[in-house]
Amino acid sequence: MNNQLLSLYEYLGKAAGEKLGKEVAEEAAKQRVGFGKKFVQNPKFTGDVMLYPRTFLDSYFKKPTLNPVSSNRDKVDDLPF
């Protein structure tokens, strides 16, 4: 399984911001996820960025799915009893 290390920018395709970066770092520490760092220098940012395993980021950013039963609540009055 490919479990490459990615920055939040690489994973999200945009800057995550300080608040989200801190939340992800805290969750990674809580789960004892291994991480890396790399130095980045560009016109918008200079400094170290954290790198996380893709599997951790996939899990962290997983969108909850809707329960299909809940979408039928409006049809309760259509029941024959």
N, C-alpha and C. Protein backbone atom coordinates (compact mmCIF):
# COMPACT_ATOMS: atom_id res chain seq x y z
N MET A 1 0.84 -1.18 0.00
CA MET A 1 0.00 0.00 0.00
C MET A 1 0.89 1.24 0.00
N ASN A 2 0.55 2.18 -0.86
CA ASN A 2 1.31 3.43 -0.94
C ASN A 2 0.84 4.37 0.17
N ASN A 3 1.71 4.63 1.12
CA ASN A 3 1.35 5.51 2.23
C ASN A 3 2.31 6.69 2.27
N GLN A 4 2.37 7.41 1.16
CA GLN A 4 3.28 8.53 1.06
C GLN A 4 2.93 9.62 2.06
N LEU A 5 3.93 10.40 2.42
CA LEU A 5 3.74 11.54 3.32
C LEU A 5 3.43 12.78 2.49
N LEU A 6 2.38 13.48 2.89
CA LEU A 6 1.93 14.67 2.17
C LEU A 6 1.71 15.83 3.13
N SER A 7 1.96 17.03 2.64
CA SER A 7 1.59 18.22 3.41
C SER A 7 0.09 18.44 3.22
N LEU A 8 -0.50 19.26 4.07
CA LEU A 8 -1.91 19.58 3.89
C LEU A 8 -2.13 20.31 2.57
N TYR A 9 -1.18 21.14 2.17
CA TYR A 9 -1.30 21.84 0.89
C TYR A 9 -1.33 20.84 -0.27
N GLU A 10 -0.45 19.86 -0.23
CA GLU A 10 -0.42 18.85 -1.29
C GLU A 10 -1.71 18.02 -1.30
N TYR A 11 -2.21 17.71 -0.12
CA TYR A 11 -3.40 16.87 -0.02
C TYR A 11 -4.67 17.63 -0.42
N LEU A 12 -4.81 18.85 0.07
CA LEU A 12 -6.04 19.62 -0.16
C LEU A 12 -6.01 20.42 -1.47
N GLY A 13 -4.81 20.68 -1.98
CA GLY A 13 -4.69 21.48 -3.18
C GLY A 13 -4.80 22.97 -2.92
N LYS A 14 -4.75 23.34 -1.66
CA LYS A 14 -4.79 24.75 -1.26
C LYS A 14 -4.22 24.87 0.15
N ALA A 15 -3.91 26.09 0.54
CA ALA A 15 -3.38 26.31 1.88
C ALA A 15 -4.45 25.97 2.92
N ALA A 16 -4.05 25.24 3.94
CA ALA A 16 -5.00 24.81 4.97
C ALA A 16 -5.26 25.90 6.01
N GLY A 17 -4.28 26.71 6.26
CA GLY A 17 -4.41 27.73 7.28
C GLY A 17 -3.94 27.22 8.63
N GLU A 18 -3.65 28.15 9.50
CA GLU A 18 -3.07 27.81 10.81
C GLU A 18 -4.03 27.00 11.67
N LYS A 19 -5.31 27.37 11.69
CA LYS A 19 -6.28 26.70 12.56
C LYS A 19 -6.45 25.23 12.17
N LEU A 20 -6.68 24.96 10.89
CA LEU A 20 -6.85 23.58 10.45
C LEU A 20 -5.56 22.80 10.62
N GLY A 21 -4.43 23.43 10.33
CA GLY A 21 -3.14 22.78 10.52
C GLY A 21 -2.94 22.33 11.96
N LYS A 22 -3.33 23.18 12.89
CA LYS A 22 -3.20 22.84 14.31
C LYS A 22 -4.14 21.69 14.69
N GLU A 23 -5.37 21.72 14.16
CA GLU A 23 -6.33 20.66 14.47
C GLU A 23 -5.83 19.31 13.95
N VAL A 24 -5.30 19.30 12.73
CA VAL A 24 -4.78 18.05 12.15
C VAL A 24 -3.58 17.56 12.96
N ALA A 25 -2.69 18.46 13.32
CA ALA A 25 -1.51 18.09 14.11
C ALA A 25 -1.91 17.50 15.47
N GLU A 26 -2.91 18.10 16.11
CA GLU A 26 -3.36 17.59 17.41
C GLU A 26 -3.97 16.19 17.27
N GLU A 27 -4.75 15.97 16.21
CA GLU A 27 -5.35 14.65 16.01
C GLU A 27 -4.28 13.62 15.68
N ALA A 28 -3.30 14.00 14.89
CA ALA A 28 -2.20 13.09 14.56
C ALA A 28 -1.44 12.70 15.83
N ALA A 29 -1.20 13.66 16.70
CA ALA A 29 -0.52 13.37 17.97
C ALA A 29 -1.37 12.47 18.84
N LYS A 30 -2.67 12.73 18.89
CA LYS A 30 -3.59 11.93 19.70
C LYS A 30 -3.58 10.47 19.23
N GLN A 31 -3.53 10.29 17.90
CA GLN A 31 -3.54 8.94 17.33
C GLN A 31 -2.13 8.35 17.20
N ARG A 32 -1.14 9.12 17.61
CA ARG A 32 0.26 8.70 17.53
C ARG A 32 0.66 8.33 16.10
N VAL A 33 0.24 9.17 15.18
CA VAL A 33 0.55 8.97 13.76
C VAL A 33 1.96 9.47 13.49
N GLY A 34 2.74 8.67 12.79
CA GLY A 34 4.07 9.10 12.39
C GLY A 34 3.95 10.24 11.38
N PHE A 35 4.89 11.16 11.42
CA PHE A 35 4.84 12.31 10.53
C PHE A 35 6.23 12.69 10.10
N GLY A 36 6.32 13.59 9.18
CA GLY A 36 7.59 14.13 8.73
C GLY A 36 7.49 15.64 8.66
N LYS A 37 8.58 16.26 8.30
CA LYS A 37 8.62 17.71 8.11
C LYS A 37 9.44 18.00 6.86
N LYS A 38 9.11 19.12 6.23
CA LYS A 38 9.98 19.60 5.16
C LYS A 38 9.96 21.12 5.17
N PHE A 39 11.07 21.67 4.73
CA PHE A 39 11.21 23.12 4.67
C PHE A 39 10.66 23.60 3.34
N VAL A 40 9.82 24.65 3.39
CA VAL A 40 9.21 25.24 2.21
C VAL A 40 9.55 26.71 2.18
N GLN A 41 9.89 27.19 1.00
CA GLN A 41 10.15 28.62 0.83
C GLN A 41 9.52 29.06 -0.49
N ASN A 42 8.52 29.94 -0.37
CA ASN A 42 7.87 30.51 -1.55
C ASN A 42 7.39 31.91 -1.18
N PRO A 43 6.82 32.64 -2.13
CA PRO A 43 6.41 34.02 -1.82
C PRO A 43 5.36 34.14 -0.71
N LYS A 44 4.57 33.09 -0.49
CA LYS A 44 3.50 33.15 0.52
C LYS A 44 3.90 32.60 1.89
N PHE A 45 4.89 31.69 1.91
CA PHE A 45 5.23 31.02 3.17
C PHE A 45 6.68 30.56 3.15
N THR A 46 7.33 30.72 4.28
CA THR A 46 8.67 30.17 4.47
C THR A 46 8.71 29.51 5.84
N GLY A 47 9.09 28.25 5.87
CA GLY A 47 9.20 27.54 7.13
C GLY A 47 8.95 26.06 6.95
N ASP A 48 8.92 25.36 8.06
CA ASP A 48 8.68 23.92 8.05
C ASP A 48 7.18 23.63 7.94
N VAL A 49 6.84 22.61 7.18
CA VAL A 49 5.47 22.12 7.11
C VAL A 49 5.47 20.67 7.54
N MET A 50 4.38 20.27 8.13
CA MET A 50 4.23 18.90 8.59
C MET A 50 3.78 18.02 7.42
N LEU A 51 4.23 16.78 7.43
CA LEU A 51 3.84 15.79 6.42
C LEU A 51 3.16 14.64 7.14
N TYR A 52 2.02 14.20 6.61
CA TYR A 52 1.25 13.13 7.24
C TYR A 52 1.02 12.01 6.23
N PRO A 53 0.85 10.78 6.71
CA PRO A 53 0.54 9.67 5.81
C PRO A 53 -0.80 9.91 5.11
N ARG A 54 -0.85 9.55 3.83
CA ARG A 54 -2.09 9.72 3.07
C ARG A 54 -3.26 9.00 3.74
N THR A 55 -3.04 7.83 4.31
CA THR A 55 -4.14 7.08 4.95
C THR A 55 -4.72 7.87 6.13
N PHE A 56 -3.87 8.54 6.89
CA PHE A 56 -4.35 9.36 8.00
C PHE A 56 -5.17 10.53 7.47
N LEU A 57 -4.67 11.20 6.44
CA LEU A 57 -5.39 12.35 5.88
C LEU A 57 -6.71 11.92 5.26
N ASP A 58 -6.72 10.78 4.58
CA ASP A 58 -7.97 10.25 4.02
C ASP A 58 -8.99 10.02 5.13
N SER A 59 -8.54 9.46 6.22
CA SER A 59 -9.43 9.19 7.35
C SER A 59 -9.89 10.48 8.01
N TYR A 60 -8.99 11.42 8.20
CA TYR A 60 -9.32 12.68 8.87
C TYR A 60 -10.33 13.50 8.07
N PHE A 61 -10.16 13.53 6.75
CA PHE A 61 -11.02 14.36 5.91
C PHE A 61 -12.19 13.60 5.29
N LYS A 62 -12.41 12.37 5.72
CA LYS A 62 -13.51 11.57 5.19
C LYS A 62 -14.84 12.26 5.50
N LYS A 63 -15.66 12.40 4.49
CA LYS A 63 -16.97 13.04 4.65
C LYS A 63 -17.96 12.00 5.16
N PRO A 64 -18.77 12.36 6.16
CA PRO A 64 -19.78 11.41 6.63
C PRO A 64 -20.82 11.18 5.54
N THR A 65 -21.32 9.96 5.45
CA THR A 65 -22.34 9.66 4.46
C THR A 65 -23.71 9.78 5.09
N LEU A 66 -24.68 10.15 4.30
CA LEU A 66 -26.04 10.28 4.79
C LEU A 66 -26.70 8.91 4.90
N ASN A 67 -27.52 8.75 5.89
CA ASN A 67 -28.27 7.52 6.05
C ASN A 67 -29.45 7.57 5.07
N PRO A 68 -29.54 6.62 4.12
CA PRO A 68 -30.60 6.69 3.12
C PRO A 68 -32.00 6.64 3.72
N VAL A 69 -32.17 6.04 4.89
CA VAL A 69 -33.48 5.96 5.53
C VAL A 69 -33.96 7.35 5.92
N SER A 70 -33.03 8.20 6.37
CA SER A 70 -33.43 9.53 6.82
C SER A 70 -33.99 10.38 5.68
N SER A 71 -33.60 10.10 4.45
CA SER A 71 -34.10 10.89 3.33
C SER A 71 -35.54 10.53 2.98
N ASN A 72 -36.08 9.43 3.55
CA ASN A 72 -37.45 9.01 3.27
C ASN A 72 -38.42 9.42 4.37
N ARG A 73 -38.01 10.23 5.30
CA ARG A 73 -38.88 10.61 6.42
C ARG A 73 -40.13 11.35 5.96
N ASP A 74 -40.05 12.08 4.88
CA ASP A 74 -41.20 12.83 4.37
C ASP A 74 -42.29 11.90 3.85
N LYS A 75 -41.96 10.65 3.57
CA LYS A 75 -42.91 9.72 2.98
C LYS A 75 -43.64 8.88 4.02
N VAL A 76 -43.48 9.17 5.30
CA VAL A 76 -44.11 8.38 6.36
C VAL A 76 -45.62 8.41 6.22
N ASP A 77 -46.20 9.55 5.82
CA ASP A 77 -47.65 9.66 5.68
C ASP A 77 -48.20 8.81 4.54
N ASP A 78 -47.35 8.34 3.65
CA ASP A 78 -47.78 7.53 2.51
C ASP A 78 -47.95 6.05 2.88
N LEU A 79 -47.61 5.69 4.10
CA LEU A 79 -47.73 4.28 4.50
C LEU A 79 -49.20 3.87 4.60
N PRO A 80 -49.52 2.62 4.25
CA PRO A 80 -50.91 2.18 4.22
C PRO A 80 -51.53 1.89 5.60
N PHE A 81 -50.80 2.05 6.65
CA PHE A 81 -51.35 1.75 7.98
C PHE A 81 -51.22 2.91 8.92
